[in-house]
């Protein structure tokens, strides 16, 4: 609830997870332009501390389902994250997701550095 969403996130509205194979999640946030964005999916693989694979679909475009794979490895006293999302319906959608996830990961890094 404290970090999810792109750089222009005003407020996280929802972050519900059931992290197990077959479990679901729902996230939602509002952006500075006043719009709300909601996504959901199902967990396909859950390997604690190693790998997480789940589907991703926006509420407004439920037929455009992609797969996200997160892989975690130990690195220099911390954790390195490898992130892959595929497929995208077009380059504009890919670029939009790259912008959003870059902002979300920056927000996560800031939260981890200052968790209060």
Foldseek 3Di string as FASTA:
>chain_A
DQQAKAQQFPFWDDWDWDPDQQTKIKTKTAGPVGDIWIKMWGWHDDDPQAKTKIWIDTPVGRVFIKMWIWGWDDDDNRIDIDIDIDDGPDPVRVVVVVNIVVRSVVSVVVCVVPVD
